[in-house]
All heavy atoms as atom14 arrays in JSON, in Angstrom:
{
  "sequence": "VRDIINRYAPPVENNTEGYIQRVAKELNVSPDDCLSVMQKDVLF",
  "atom14_mask": [
    [1, 1, 1, 1, 1, 1, 1, 0, 0, 0, 0, 0, 0, 0],
    [1, 1, 1, 1, 1, 1, 1, 1, 1, 1, 1, 0, 0, 0],
    [1, 1, 1, 1, 1, 1, 1, 1, 0, 0, 0, 0, 0, 0],
    [1, 1, 1, 1, 1, 1, 1, 1, 0, 0, 0, 0, 0, 0],
    [1, 1, 1, 1, 1, 1, 1, 1, 0, 0, 0, 0, 0, 0],
    [1, 1, 1, 1, 1, 1, 1, 1, 0, 0, 0, 0, 0, 0],
    [1, 1, 1, 1, 1, 1, 1, 1, 1, 1, 1, 0, 0, 0],
    [1, 1, 1, 1, 1, 1, 1, 1, 1, 1, 1, 1, 0, 0],
    [1, 1, 1, 1, 1, 0, 0, 0, 0, 0, 0, 0, 0, 0],
    [1, 1, 1, 1, 1, 1, 1, 0, 0, 0, 0, 0, 0, 0],
    [1, 1, 1, 1, 1, 1, 1, 0, 0, 0, 0, 0, 0, 0],
    [1, 1, 1, 1, 1, 1, 1, 0, 0, 0, 0, 0, 0, 0],
    [1, 1, 1, 1, 1, 1, 1, 1, 1, 0, 0, 0, 0, 0],
    [1, 1, 1, 1, 1, 1, 1, 1, 0, 0, 0, 0, 0, 0],
    [1, 1, 1, 1, 1, 1, 1, 1, 0, 0, 0, 0, 0, 0],
    [1, 1, 1, 1, 1, 1, 1, 0, 0, 0, 0, 0, 0, 0],
    [1, 1, 1, 1, 1, 1, 1, 1, 1, 0, 0, 0, 0, 0],
    [1, 1, 1, 1, 0, 0, 0, 0, 0, 0, 0, 0, 0, 0],
    [1, 1, 1, 1, 1, 1, 1, 1, 1, 1, 1, 1, 0, 0],
    [1, 1, 1, 1, 1, 1, 1, 1, 0, 0, 0, 0, 0, 0],
    [1, 1, 1, 1, 1, 1, 1, 1, 1, 0, 0, 0, 0, 0],
    [1, 1, 1, 1, 1, 1, 1, 1, 1, 1, 1, 0, 0, 0],
    [1, 1, 1, 1, 1, 1, 1, 0, 0, 0, 0, 0, 0, 0],
    [1, 1, 1, 1, 1, 0, 0, 0, 0, 0, 0, 0, 0, 0],
    [1, 1, 1, 1, 1, 1, 1, 1, 1, 0, 0, 0, 0, 0],
    [1, 1, 1, 1, 1, 1, 1, 1, 1, 0, 0, 0, 0, 0],
    [1, 1, 1, 1, 1, 1, 1, 1, 0, 0, 0, 0, 0, 0],
    [1, 1, 1, 1, 1, 1, 1, 1, 0, 0, 0, 0, 0, 0],
    [1, 1, 1, 1, 1, 1, 1, 0, 0, 0, 0, 0, 0, 0],
    [1, 1, 1, 1, 1, 1, 0, 0, 0, 0, 0, 0, 0, 0],
    [1, 1, 1, 1, 1, 1, 1, 0, 0, 0, 0, 0, 0, 0],
    [1, 1, 1, 1, 1, 1, 1, 1, 0, 0, 0, 0, 0, 0],
    [1, 1, 1, 1, 1, 1, 1, 1, 0, 0, 0, 0, 0, 0],
    [1, 1, 1, 1, 1, 1, 0, 0, 0, 0, 0, 0, 0, 0],
    [1, 1, 1, 1, 1, 1, 1, 1, 0, 0, 0, 0, 0, 0],
    [1, 1, 1, 1, 1, 1, 0, 0, 0, 0, 0, 0, 0, 0],
    [1, 1, 1, 1, 1, 1, 1, 0, 0, 0, 0, 0, 0, 0],
    [1, 1, 1, 1, 1, 1, 1, 1, 0, 0, 0, 0, 0, 0],
    [1, 1, 1, 1, 1, 1, 1, 1, 1, 0, 0, 0, 0, 0],
    [1, 1, 1, 1, 1, 1, 1, 1, 1, 0, 0, 0, 0, 0],
    [1, 1, 1, 1, 1, 1, 1, 1, 0, 0, 0, 0, 0, 0],
    [1, 1, 1, 1, 1, 1, 1, 0, 0, 0, 0, 0, 0, 0],
    [1, 1, 1, 1, 1, 1, 1, 1, 0, 0, 0, 0, 0, 0],
    [1, 1, 1, 1, 1, 1, 1, 1, 1, 1, 1, 0, 0, 0]
  ],
  "atom14_positions": [
    [[-133.31, -121.77, 45.85], [-132.13, -122.06, 45.04], [-131.07, -120.99, 45.3], [-129.89, -121.3, 45.46], [-132.5, -122.16, 43.54], [-131.26, -122.2, 42.67], [-133.39, -123.37, 43.28], [0.0, 0.0, 0.0], [0.0, 0.0, 0.0], [0.0, 0.0, 0.0], [0.0, 0.0, 0.0], [0.0, 0.0, 0.0], [0.0, 0.0, 0.0], [0.0, 0.0, 0.0]],
    [[-131.49, -119.74, 45.38], [-130.54, -118.64, 45.6], [-129.79, -118.83, 46.93], [-128.57, -118.74, 46.98], [-131.26, -117.29, 45.6], [-130.3, -116.1, 45.78], [-130.98, -114.76, 45.67], [-131.82, -114.61, 44.49], [-131.37, -114.4, 43.25], [-130.08, -114.34, 43.02], [-132.22, -114.28, 42.25], [0.0, 0.0, 0.0], [0.0, 0.0, 0.0], [0.0, 0.0, 0.0]],
    [[-130.51, -119.1, 47.99], [-129.87, -119.26, 49.3], [-128.95, -120.49, 49.33], [-127.83, -120.43, 49.84], [-130.91, -119.39, 50.4], [-131.66, -118.09, 50.66], [-131.18, -117.01, 50.26], [-132.74, -118.16, 51.28], [0.0, 0.0, 0.0], [0.0, 0.0, 0.0], [0.0, 0.0, 0.0], [0.0, 0.0, 0.0], [0.0, 0.0, 0.0], [0.0, 0.0, 0.0]],
    [[-129.42, -121.58, 48.77], [-128.65, -122.82, 48.78], [-127.36, -122.67, 47.97], [-126.27, -122.99, 48.45], [-129.51, -124.0, 48.25], [-130.62, -124.32, 49.25], [-128.64, -125.22, 47.97], [-131.71, -125.23, 48.68], [0.0, 0.0, 0.0], [0.0, 0.0, 0.0], [0.0, 0.0, 0.0], [0.0, 0.0, 0.0], [0.0, 0.0, 0.0], [0.0, 0.0, 0.0]],
    [[-127.47, -122.16, 46.75], [-126.3, -122.06, 45.89], [-125.35, -120.97, 46.38], [-124.13, -121.13, 46.26], [-126.7, -121.86, 44.41], [-127.55, -123.05, 43.91], [-125.47, -121.64, 43.53], [-126.89, -124.41, 44.02], [0.0, 0.0, 0.0], [0.0, 0.0, 0.0], [0.0, 0.0, 0.0], [0.0, 0.0, 0.0], [0.0, 0.0, 0.0], [0.0, 0.0, 0.0]],
    [[-125.87, -119.9, 46.96], [-124.97, -118.88, 47.53], [-124.06, -119.48, 48.59], [-122.9, -119.09, 48.71], [-125.76, -117.71, 48.12], [-125.89, -116.56, 47.16], [-124.94, -116.19, 46.49], [-127.09, -116.0, 47.08], [0.0, 0.0, 0.0], [0.0, 0.0, 0.0], [0.0, 0.0, 0.0], [0.0, 0.0, 0.0], [0.0, 0.0, 0.0], [0.0, 0.0, 0.0]],
    [[-124.58, -120.41, 49.37], [-123.75, -121.06, 50.39], [-122.88, -122.16, 49.77], [-121.71, -122.31, 50.11], [-124.63, -121.65, 51.49], [-123.81, -122.27, 52.6], [-124.68, -122.72, 53.76], [-123.84, -123.29, 54.79], [-123.46, -122.67, 55.9], [-123.87, -121.44, 56.13], [-122.7, -123.29, 56.78], [0.0, 0.0, 0.0], [0.0, 0.0, 0.0], [0.0, 0.0, 0.0]],
    [[-123.45, -122.92, 48.86], [-122.76, -124.06, 48.27], [-121.62, -123.64, 47.34], [-120.56, -124.27, 47.32], [-123.78, -124.92, 47.51], [-123.21, -126.21, 46.99], [-122.93, -127.26, 47.85], [-122.95, -126.38, 45.64], [-122.41, -128.45, 47.39], [-122.43, -127.57, 45.16], [-122.16, -128.6, 46.05], [-121.64, -129.77, 45.59], [0.0, 0.0, 0.0], [0.0, 0.0, 0.0]],
    [[-121.86, -122.61, 46.56], [-120.88, -122.15, 45.56], [-120.71, -120.64, 45.69], [-121.22, -119.87, 44.88], [-121.36, -122.53, 44.16], [0.0, 0.0, 0.0], [0.0, 0.0, 0.0], [0.0, 0.0, 0.0], [0.0, 0.0, 0.0], [0.0, 0.0, 0.0], [0.0, 0.0, 0.0], [0.0, 0.0, 0.0], [0.0, 0.0, 0.0], [0.0, 0.0, 0.0]],
    [[-120.02, -120.19, 46.75], [-119.94, -118.76, 47.05], [-119.27, -117.94, 45.95], [-118.41, -118.45, 45.22], [-119.14, -118.71, 48.34], [-118.41, -120.0, 48.41], [-119.24, -121.0, 47.66], [0.0, 0.0, 0.0], [0.0, 0.0, 0.0], [0.0, 0.0, 0.0], [0.0, 0.0, 0.0], [0.0, 0.0, 0.0], [0.0, 0.0, 0.0], [0.0, 0.0, 0.0]],
    [[-119.66, -116.68, 45.84], [-119.14, -115.8, 44.79], [-117.63, -115.6, 44.81], [-117.05, -115.23, 43.79], [-119.85, -114.46, 45.05], [-121.06, -114.81, 45.84], [-120.71, -116.03, 46.63], [0.0, 0.0, 0.0], [0.0, 0.0, 0.0], [0.0, 0.0, 0.0], [0.0, 0.0, 0.0], [0.0, 0.0, 0.0], [0.0, 0.0, 0.0], [0.0, 0.0, 0.0]],
    [[-116.97, -115.87, 45.92], [-115.52, -115.68, 45.96], [-114.8, -116.64, 45.01], [-113.66, -116.39, 44.63], [-114.95, -115.82, 47.39], [-115.46, -114.72, 48.29], [-115.25, -117.19, 47.98], [0.0, 0.0, 0.0], [0.0, 0.0, 0.0], [0.0, 0.0, 0.0], [0.0, 0.0, 0.0], [0.0, 0.0, 0.0], [0.0, 0.0, 0.0], [0.0, 0.0, 0.0]],
    [[-115.46, -117.74, 44.63], [-114.8, -118.7, 43.74], [-115.66, -119.17, 42.58], [-115.26, -120.05, 41.84], [-114.3, -119.9, 44.54], [-115.38, -120.6, 45.33], [-114.84, -121.65, 46.29], [-113.88, -121.37, 47.0], [-115.41, -122.75, 46.3], [0.0, 0.0, 0.0], [0.0, 0.0, 0.0], [0.0, 0.0, 0.0], [0.0, 0.0, 0.0], [0.0, 0.0, 0.0]],
    [[-116.85, -118.6, 42.42], [-117.77, -119.05, 41.38], [-118.53, -117.89, 40.76], [-118.63, -116.82, 41.34], [-118.83, -120.0, 42.0], [-118.23, -121.25, 42.56], [-117.91, -122.17, 41.83], [-118.04, -121.29, 43.87], [0.0, 0.0, 0.0], [0.0, 0.0, 0.0], [0.0, 0.0, 0.0], [0.0, 0.0, 0.0], [0.0, 0.0, 0.0], [0.0, 0.0, 0.0]],
    [[-119.1, -118.15, 39.58], [-120.1, -117.26, 39.0], [-121.43, -117.7, 39.62], [-122.21, -118.41, 39.01], [-120.14, -117.37, 37.48], [-121.3, -116.61, 36.86], [-122.06, -115.92, 37.55], [-121.45, -116.74, 35.57], [0.0, 0.0, 0.0], [0.0, 0.0, 0.0], [0.0, 0.0, 0.0], [0.0, 0.0, 0.0], [0.0, 0.0, 0.0], [0.0, 0.0, 0.0]],
    [[-121.62, -117.3, 40.86], [-122.75, -117.8, 41.64], [-124.09, -117.42, 41.04], [-125.01, -118.24, 41.01], [-122.64, -117.32, 43.1], [-121.36, -117.73, 43.61], [-123.72, -117.89, 43.97], [0.0, 0.0, 0.0], [0.0, 0.0, 0.0], [0.0, 0.0, 0.0], [0.0, 0.0, 0.0], [0.0, 0.0, 0.0], [0.0, 0.0, 0.0], [0.0, 0.0, 0.0]],
    [[-124.22, -116.21, 40.55], [-125.51, -115.8, 39.97], [-125.84, -116.64, 38.75], [-126.98, -117.08, 38.57], [-125.53, -114.31, 39.63], [-126.88, -113.79, 39.2], [-128.02, -114.02, 40.21], [-127.79, -114.01, 41.43], [-129.17, -114.23, 39.76], [0.0, 0.0, 0.0], [0.0, 0.0, 0.0], [0.0, 0.0, 0.0], [0.0, 0.0, 0.0], [0.0, 0.0, 0.0]],
    [[-124.85, -116.92, 37.91], [-125.07, -117.79, 36.75], [-125.46, -119.2, 37.19], [-126.34, -119.82, 36.59], [0.0, 0.0, 0.0], [0.0, 0.0, 0.0], [0.0, 0.0, 0.0], [0.0, 0.0, 0.0], [0.0, 0.0, 0.0], [0.0, 0.0, 0.0], [0.0, 0.0, 0.0], [0.0, 0.0, 0.0], [0.0, 0.0, 0.0], [0.0, 0.0, 0.0]],
    [[-124.81, -119.68, 38.22], [-125.1, -121.01, 38.79], [-126.54, -121.04, 39.28], [-127.3, -121.97, 38.97], [-124.12, -121.24, 39.93], [-123.88, -122.66, 40.4], [-122.6, -123.08, 40.73], [-124.92, -123.57, 40.58], [-122.35, -124.36, 41.19], [-124.68, -124.86, 41.05], [-123.39, -125.24, 41.35], [-123.15, -126.52, 41.82], [0.0, 0.0, 0.0], [0.0, 0.0, 0.0]],
    [[-126.94, -120.01, 40.03], [-128.31, -119.92, 40.56], [-129.33, -119.95, 39.42], [-130.31, -120.7, 39.46], [-128.48, -118.64, 41.4], [-127.68, -118.75, 42.7], [-129.95, -118.33, 41.67], [-127.48, -117.42, 43.42], [0.0, 0.0, 0.0], [0.0, 0.0, 0.0], [0.0, 0.0, 0.0], [0.0, 0.0, 0.0], [0.0, 0.0, 0.0], [0.0, 0.0, 0.0]],
    [[-129.1, -119.14, 38.41], [-130.03, -119.06, 37.29], [-130.15, -120.39, 36.55], [-131.25, -120.81, 36.19], [-129.63, -117.94, 36.33], [-129.72, -116.54, 36.93], [-131.1, -116.18, 37.41], [-132.12, -116.53, 36.81], [-131.18, -115.48, 38.54], [0.0, 0.0, 0.0], [0.0, 0.0, 0.0], [0.0, 0.0, 0.0], [0.0, 0.0, 0.0], [0.0, 0.0, 0.0]],
    [[-129.03, -121.05, 36.36], [-129.05, -122.33, 35.65], [-129.8, -123.4, 36.44], [-130.62, -124.14, 35.88], [-127.62, -122.78, 35.37], [-127.56, -124.02, 34.52], [-126.19, -124.25, 33.96], [-126.12, -125.57, 33.35], [-125.0, -126.18, 33.09], [-123.85, -125.6, 33.35], [-125.0, -127.38, 32.54], [0.0, 0.0, 0.0], [0.0, 0.0, 0.0], [0.0, 0.0, 0.0]],
    [[-129.52, -123.48, 37.74], [-130.2, -124.48, 38.57], [-131.7, -124.19, 38.65], [-132.52, -125.09, 38.5], [-129.56, -124.56, 39.97], [-130.4, -125.4, 40.93], [-128.14, -125.13, 39.88], [0.0, 0.0, 0.0], [0.0, 0.0, 0.0], [0.0, 0.0, 0.0], [0.0, 0.0, 0.0], [0.0, 0.0, 0.0], [0.0, 0.0, 0.0], [0.0, 0.0, 0.0]],
    [[-132.06, -122.93, 38.87], [-133.48, -122.57, 38.94], [-134.2, -122.92, 37.63], [-135.32, -123.45, 37.66], [-133.63, -121.08, 39.26], [0.0, 0.0, 0.0], [0.0, 0.0, 0.0], [0.0, 0.0, 0.0], [0.0, 0.0, 0.0], [0.0, 0.0, 0.0], [0.0, 0.0, 0.0], [0.0, 0.0, 0.0], [0.0, 0.0, 0.0], [0.0, 0.0, 0.0]],
    [[-133.54, -122.66, 36.51], [-134.14, -122.97, 35.22], [-134.34, -124.48, 35.08], [-135.4, -124.94, 34.62], [-133.26, -122.45, 34.08], [-133.84, -122.67, 32.71], [-132.97, -122.07, 31.63], [-133.59, -122.33, 30.26], [-132.76, -121.78, 29.19], [0.0, 0.0, 0.0], [0.0, 0.0, 0.0], [0.0, 0.0, 0.0], [0.0, 0.0, 0.0], [0.0, 0.0, 0.0]],
    [[-133.34, -125.28, 35.47], [-133.47, -126.74, 35.37], [-134.58, -127.27, 36.27], [-135.23, -128.25, 35.95], [-132.15, -127.42, 35.69], [-131.15, -127.29, 34.56], [-130.07, -128.34, 34.58], [-130.32, -129.47, 35.04], [-128.96, -128.03, 34.09], [0.0, 0.0, 0.0], [0.0, 0.0, 0.0], [0.0, 0.0, 0.0], [0.0, 0.0, 0.0], [0.0, 0.0, 0.0]],
    [[-134.8, -126.61, 37.41], [-135.85, -127.02, 38.33], [-137.2, -126.41, 37.97], [-138.22, -126.73, 38.57], [-135.49, -126.65, 39.78], [-134.7, -127.69, 40.56], [-133.35, -127.98, 39.96], [-134.57, -127.29, 42.0], [0.0, 0.0, 0.0], [0.0, 0.0, 0.0], [0.0, 0.0, 0.0], [0.0, 0.0, 0.0], [0.0, 0.0, 0.0], [0.0, 0.0, 0.0]],
    [[-137.19, -125.47, 37.0], [-138.4, -124.78, 36.57], [-139.07, -124.03, 37.73], [-140.28, -124.13, 37.94], [-139.38, -125.76, 35.91], [-140.41, -125.05, 35.07], [-140.16, -123.96, 34.55], [-141.59, -125.64, 34.96], [0.0, 0.0, 0.0], [0.0, 0.0, 0.0], [0.0, 0.0, 0.0], [0.0, 0.0, 0.0], [0.0, 0.0, 0.0], [0.0, 0.0, 0.0]],
    [[-138.22, -123.31, 38.49], [-138.7, -122.49, 39.6], [-138.02, -121.12, 39.54], [-137.02, -120.95, 38.85], [-138.38, -123.14, 40.98], [-139.08, -124.49, 41.12], [-136.9, -123.28, 41.21], [0.0, 0.0, 0.0], [0.0, 0.0, 0.0], [0.0, 0.0, 0.0], [0.0, 0.0, 0.0], [0.0, 0.0, 0.0], [0.0, 0.0, 0.0], [0.0, 0.0, 0.0]],
    [[-138.55, -120.19, 40.28], [-137.89, -118.91, 40.46], [-136.72, -119.12, 41.42], [-136.82, -119.94, 42.35], [-138.88, -117.89, 41.05], [-138.18, -116.79, 41.58], [0.0, 0.0, 0.0], [0.0, 0.0, 0.0], [0.0, 0.0, 0.0], [0.0, 0.0, 0.0], [0.0, 0.0, 0.0], [0.0, 0.0, 0.0], [0.0, 0.0, 0.0], [0.0, 0.0, 0.0]],
    [[-135.62, -118.39, 41.26], [-134.49, -118.55, 42.17], [-134.84, -118.32, 43.64], [-134.14, -118.81, 44.53], [-133.48, -117.5, 41.69], [-133.82, -117.27, 40.27], [-135.32, -117.45, 40.17], [0.0, 0.0, 0.0], [0.0, 0.0, 0.0], [0.0, 0.0, 0.0], [0.0, 0.0, 0.0], [0.0, 0.0, 0.0], [0.0, 0.0, 0.0], [0.0, 0.0, 0.0]],
    [[-135.92, -117.58, 43.89], [-136.28, -117.24, 45.27], [-137.46, -118.05, 45.82], [-137.87, -117.84, 46.96], [-136.55, -115.74, 45.38], [-135.31, -114.93, 45.02], [-134.24, -115.19, 45.62], [-135.39, -114.08, 44.11], [0.0, 0.0, 0.0], [0.0, 0.0, 0.0], [0.0, 0.0, 0.0], [0.0, 0.0, 0.0], [0.0, 0.0, 0.0], [0.0, 0.0, 0.0]],
    [[-138.0, -118.99, 45.03], [-139.06, -119.88, 45.52], [-138.5, -120.76, 46.63], [-137.38, -121.26, 46.53], [-139.6, -120.78, 44.41], [-140.46, -120.05, 43.39], [-140.82, -118.89, 43.64], [-140.73, -120.66, 42.33], [0.0, 0.0, 0.0], [0.0, 0.0, 0.0], [0.0, 0.0, 0.0], [0.0, 0.0, 0.0], [0.0, 0.0, 0.0], [0.0, 0.0, 0.0]],
    [[-139.3, -120.98, 47.65], [-138.89, -121.85, 48.75], [-139.23, -123.3, 48.39], [-140.35, -123.6, 48.0], [-139.59, -121.44, 50.05], [-138.89, -122.27, 51.49], [0.0, 0.0, 0.0], [0.0, 0.0, 0.0], [0.0, 0.0, 0.0], [0.0, 0.0, 0.0], [0.0, 0.0, 0.0], [0.0, 0.0, 0.0], [0.0, 0.0, 0.0], [0.0, 0.0, 0.0]],
    [[-138.22, -124.18, 48.49], [-138.37, -125.6, 48.19], [-137.96, -126.39, 49.43], [-137.28, -125.86, 50.29], [-137.45, -125.99, 47.03], [-137.46, -125.11, 45.79], [-136.3, -125.46, 44.88], [-138.77, -125.27, 45.06], [0.0, 0.0, 0.0], [0.0, 0.0, 0.0], [0.0, 0.0, 0.0], [0.0, 0.0, 0.0], [0.0, 0.0, 0.0], [0.0, 0.0, 0.0]],
    [[-138.29, -127.65, 49.47], [-137.85, -128.49, 50.57], [-137.09, -129.7, 50.04], [-137.66, -130.54, 49.34], [-139.02, -128.97, 51.43], [-138.51, -129.84, 52.44], [0.0, 0.0, 0.0], [0.0, 0.0, 0.0], [0.0, 0.0, 0.0], [0.0, 0.0, 0.0], [0.0, 0.0, 0.0], [0.0, 0.0, 0.0], [0.0, 0.0, 0.0], [0.0, 0.0, 0.0]],
    [[-135.82, -129.77, 50.39], [-135.0, -130.91, 49.98], [-135.32, -132.16, 50.81], [-134.74, -133.21, 50.58], [-133.49, -130.6, 50.02], [-133.14, -129.53, 49.01], [-133.03, -130.23, 51.41], [0.0, 0.0, 0.0], [0.0, 0.0, 0.0], [0.0, 0.0, 0.0], [0.0, 0.0, 0.0], [0.0, 0.0, 0.0], [0.0, 0.0, 0.0], [0.0, 0.0, 0.0]],
    [[-136.25, -132.03, 51.74], [-136.73, -133.21, 52.46], [-137.65, -134.03, 51.56], [-137.91, -135.19, 51.83], [-137.46, -132.82, 53.74], [-136.62, -132.01, 54.71], [-135.08, -132.83, 55.14], [-134.17, -131.49, 55.83], [0.0, 0.0, 0.0], [0.0, 0.0, 0.0], [0.0, 0.0, 0.0], [0.0, 0.0, 0.0], [0.0, 0.0, 0.0], [0.0, 0.0, 0.0]],
    [[-138.13, -133.41, 50.47], [-138.92, -134.12, 49.47], [-137.96, -134.74, 48.46], [-137.13, -134.04, 47.87], [-139.87, -133.16, 48.76], [-140.92, -132.56, 49.66], [-141.77, -131.55, 48.92], [-141.34, -130.9, 47.97], [-143.02, -131.41, 49.36], [0.0, 0.0, 0.0], [0.0, 0.0, 0.0], [0.0, 0.0, 0.0], [0.0, 0.0, 0.0], [0.0, 0.0, 0.0]],
    [[-138.07, -136.02, 48.28], [-137.14, -136.77, 47.43], [-137.06, -136.19, 46.01], [-135.97, -136.04, 45.47], [-137.56, -138.24, 47.39], [-136.72, -139.11, 46.51], [-137.24, -140.54, 46.56], [-136.75, -141.36, 45.4], [-137.24, -142.73, 45.45], [0.0, 0.0, 0.0], [0.0, 0.0, 0.0], [0.0, 0.0, 0.0], [0.0, 0.0, 0.0], [0.0, 0.0, 0.0]],
    [[-138.2, -135.86, 45.41], [-138.17, -135.36, 44.04], [-137.42, -134.04, 43.94], [-136.68, -133.8, 42.98], [-139.58, -135.25, 43.45], [-140.49, -134.3, 44.2], [-140.36, -134.18, 45.44], [-141.36, -133.68, 43.56], [0.0, 0.0, 0.0], [0.0, 0.0, 0.0], [0.0, 0.0, 0.0], [0.0, 0.0, 0.0], [0.0, 0.0, 0.0], [0.0, 0.0, 0.0]],
    [[-137.57, -133.17, 44.94], [-136.85, -131.89, 44.95], [-135.36, -132.14, 45.16], [-134.51, -131.57, 44.46], [-137.41, -130.96, 46.05], [-136.56, -129.7, 46.19], [-138.86, -130.59, 45.75], [0.0, 0.0, 0.0], [0.0, 0.0, 0.0], [0.0, 0.0, 0.0], [0.0, 0.0, 0.0], [0.0, 0.0, 0.0], [0.0, 0.0, 0.0], [0.0, 0.0, 0.0]],
    [[-135.03, -133.01, 46.1], [-133.64, -133.34, 46.38], [-132.95, -133.89, 45.14], [-131.85, -133.46, 44.78], [-133.57, -134.35, 47.53], [-132.17, -134.76, 47.99], [-131.41, -133.6, 48.58], [-132.29, -135.9, 49.01], [0.0, 0.0, 0.0], [0.0, 0.0, 0.0], [0.0, 0.0, 0.0], [0.0, 0.0, 0.0], [0.0, 0.0, 0.0], [0.0, 0.0, 0.0]],
    [[-133.59, -134.83, 44.45], [-133.0, -135.44, 43.26], [-132.87, -134.43, 42.12], [-131.87, -134.42, 41.41], [-133.81, -136.66, 42.82], [-133.56, -137.91, 43.62], [-132.95, -137.88, 44.87], [-133.95, -139.13, 43.12], [-132.74, -139.04, 45.6], [-133.75, -140.31, 43.84], [-133.14, -140.26, 45.08], [0.0, 0.0, 0.0], [0.0, 0.0, 0.0], [0.0, 0.0, 0.0]]
  ]
}
């Protein structure tokens, strides 16, 4: 989540760390856990 959101919503225009924390919490994972968006459930 950290790597993906850092690229998707860079700190120059976002509160990227807050974004990372919120997304990780919604996915119930650590921000640094490796996930695969090739898996439909992860992607959705």
